[in-house]
């Protein structure tokens, strides 16, 4: 299910790329691209998603209004492509994937808890071999 969802987002990105100029700000445009990359990270962790989980995640991570250039925040999301490369390794076996999911779930709650789960995911990524079907699932 996740592979179909990720594929549809990647296909849609190429279709709407020319229309992003109509978004009200560069910040909003950047947020759209970043959101698509975050969906890839969630998909690689094979997180179980239902309506209540989706609503909980939207409330935790999505901005409450359109992002305008006049806002004083200057987020840098170029690190997400680097994280995506590492995330493939962190989600290629079940043991690491469990902690990768917990990492995603705890990001909005606590940085310390997030780092703890990320540490467990990294350790398990090195201790356990990748699942043989992992490459086929992506």
Protein backbone atom coordinates (compact mmCIF):
# COMPACT_ATOMS: atom_id res chain seq x y z
CA UNK A 1 0.00 0.00 0.00
CA UNK A 2 2.79 2.42 0.92
CA UNK A 3 4.69 1.74 -2.28
CA UNK A 4 1.63 2.74 -4.32
CA UNK A 5 1.15 5.86 -2.21
CA UNK A 6 4.80 6.91 -2.58
CA UNK A 7 4.72 6.23 -6.32
CA UNK A 8 1.58 8.36 -6.74
CA UNK A 9 3.18 11.27 -4.86
CA UNK A 10 6.37 11.06 -6.92
CA UNK A 11 4.33 10.99 -10.14
CA UNK A 12 2.19 13.90 -8.95
CA UNK A 13 5.25 16.01 -8.11
CA UNK A 14 6.36 16.00 -11.71
CA UNK A 15 2.84 16.92 -12.86
CA UNK A 16 2.37 19.89 -10.52
CA UNK A 17 5.92 21.24 -10.64
CA UNK A 18 5.01 23.93 -13.18
CA UNK A 19 2.03 25.02 -11.07
CA UNK A 20 3.98 25.67 -7.88
CA UNK A 21 4.64 29.23 -9.04
CA UNK A 22 1.01 29.96 -8.13
CA UNK A 23 1.61 29.22 -4.44
CA UNK A 24 1.69 32.40 -2.33
CA UNK A 25 5.32 32.12 -1.22
CA UNK A 26 8.61 30.33 -1.70
CA UNK A 27 8.24 28.99 1.83
CA UNK A 28 4.91 27.35 0.97
CA UNK A 29 6.42 25.88 -2.20
CA UNK A 30 9.36 24.48 -0.25
CA UNK A 31 7.01 23.04 2.37
CA UNK A 32 5.13 21.13 -0.35
CA UNK A 33 8.31 19.48 -1.60
CA UNK A 34 9.44 18.69 1.93
CA UNK A 35 6.08 17.15 2.78
CA UNK A 36 6.44 14.80 -0.18
CA UNK A 37 9.90 13.75 1.06
CA UNK A 38 8.54 13.19 4.57
CA UNK A 39 5.86 10.91 3.15
CA UNK A 40 8.69 8.85 1.64
CA UNK A 41 10.29 8.53 5.09
CA UNK A 42 7.00 7.48 6.65
CA UNK A 43 6.41 5.01 3.84
CA UNK A 44 9.84 3.42 4.27
CA UNK A 45 9.09 2.84 7.95
CA UNK A 46 5.87 1.05 6.89
CA UNK A 47 3.94 2.84 9.60
CA UNK A 48 0.37 1.72 10.07
CA UNK A 49 -1.86 4.64 9.16
CA UNK A 50 -5.56 5.09 9.75
CA UNK A 51 -7.78 8.17 9.98
CA UNK A 52 -7.10 8.94 13.65
CA UNK A 53 -3.30 8.56 13.15
CA UNK A 54 -3.46 10.82 10.10
CA UNK A 55 -5.36 13.52 11.99
CA UNK A 56 -2.95 13.26 14.95
CA UNK A 57 0.07 13.65 12.65
CA UNK A 58 -1.50 16.55 10.76
CA UNK A 59 -2.14 18.41 14.00
CA UNK A 60 1.41 17.78 15.18
CA UNK A 61 3.32 18.61 11.99
CA UNK A 62 1.30 20.72 9.55
CA UNK A 63 1.21 24.51 9.86
CA UNK A 64 -2.16 26.01 10.79
CA UNK A 65 -2.11 28.53 7.93
CA UNK A 66 -0.43 29.25 4.63
CA UNK A 67 3.26 30.05 4.97
CA UNK A 68 4.18 33.50 3.70
CA UNK A 69 7.61 34.90 2.90
CA UNK A 70 7.12 37.69 5.46
CA UNK A 71 7.26 35.14 8.30
CA UNK A 72 10.55 35.33 10.12
CA UNK A 73 11.25 31.63 10.00
CA UNK A 74 13.85 30.39 7.61
CA UNK A 75 13.67 26.61 7.57
CA UNK A 76 16.32 24.65 5.73
CA UNK A 77 15.12 21.34 4.45
CA UNK A 78 18.02 20.42 2.18
CA UNK A 79 19.15 17.90 4.82
CA UNK A 80 16.11 15.73 4.03
CA UNK A 81 17.72 14.17 0.96
CA UNK A 82 20.69 13.14 3.12
CA UNK A 83 18.32 11.78 5.78
CA UNK A 84 16.47 9.82 3.09
CA UNK A 85 19.64 7.95 2.17
CA UNK A 86 20.26 7.03 5.81
CA UNK A 87 16.59 6.21 6.38
CA UNK A 88 16.75 3.45 3.75
CA UNK A 89 19.31 1.66 5.90
CA UNK A 90 17.35 2.34 9.10
CA UNK A 91 14.21 0.77 7.71
CA UNK A 92 15.54 -2.23 5.80
CA UNK A 93 15.01 -4.70 8.66
CA UNK A 94 12.10 -5.17 11.02
CA UNK A 95 14.01 -4.56 14.25
CA UNK A 96 15.29 -1.16 13.12
CA UNK A 97 11.99 -0.26 11.45
CA UNK A 98 10.15 -0.54 14.80
CA UNK A 99 12.37 2.16 16.29
CA UNK A 100 12.25 4.22 13.09
CA UNK A 101 8.46 4.37 13.48
CA UNK A 102 8.83 5.38 17.12
CA UNK A 103 11.29 8.07 16.02
CA UNK A 104 8.70 9.55 13.65
CA UNK A 105 5.96 9.37 16.29
CA UNK A 106 8.03 11.12 18.96
CA UNK A 107 9.41 14.00 16.86
CA UNK A 108 6.63 16.39 17.91
CA UNK A 109 6.74 15.23 21.55
CA UNK A 110 10.35 15.27 22.68
CA UNK A 111 13.75 15.67 21.06
CA UNK A 112 15.37 13.52 23.75
CA UNK A 113 12.90 10.68 23.21
CA UNK A 114 13.34 11.03 19.45
CA UNK A 115 17.12 10.74 19.77
CA UNK A 116 16.73 7.69 22.00
CA UNK A 117 14.54 5.92 19.43
CA UNK A 118 16.84 6.99 16.60
CA UNK A 119 19.81 5.57 18.49
CA UNK A 120 18.02 2.23 18.90
CA UNK A 121 17.14 2.24 15.19
CA UNK A 122 20.78 2.87 14.24
CA UNK A 123 22.02 0.10 16.53
CA UNK A 124 19.46 -2.37 15.16
CA UNK A 125 20.29 -1.37 11.60
CA UNK A 126 23.87 -2.48 12.22
CA UNK A 127 23.06 -5.56 14.32
CA UNK A 128 20.48 -7.13 12.00
CA UNK A 129 20.65 -7.84 8.28
CA UNK A 130 18.30 -6.24 5.81
CA UNK A 131 15.17 -8.19 4.95
CA UNK A 132 15.62 -10.01 1.60
CA UNK A 133 12.35 -8.58 0.24
CA UNK A 134 13.09 -4.99 1.30
CA UNK A 135 14.35 -3.74 -2.09
CA UNK A 136 11.35 -5.30 -3.84
CA UNK A 137 8.92 -3.60 -1.46
CA UNK A 138 10.19 -0.14 -2.34
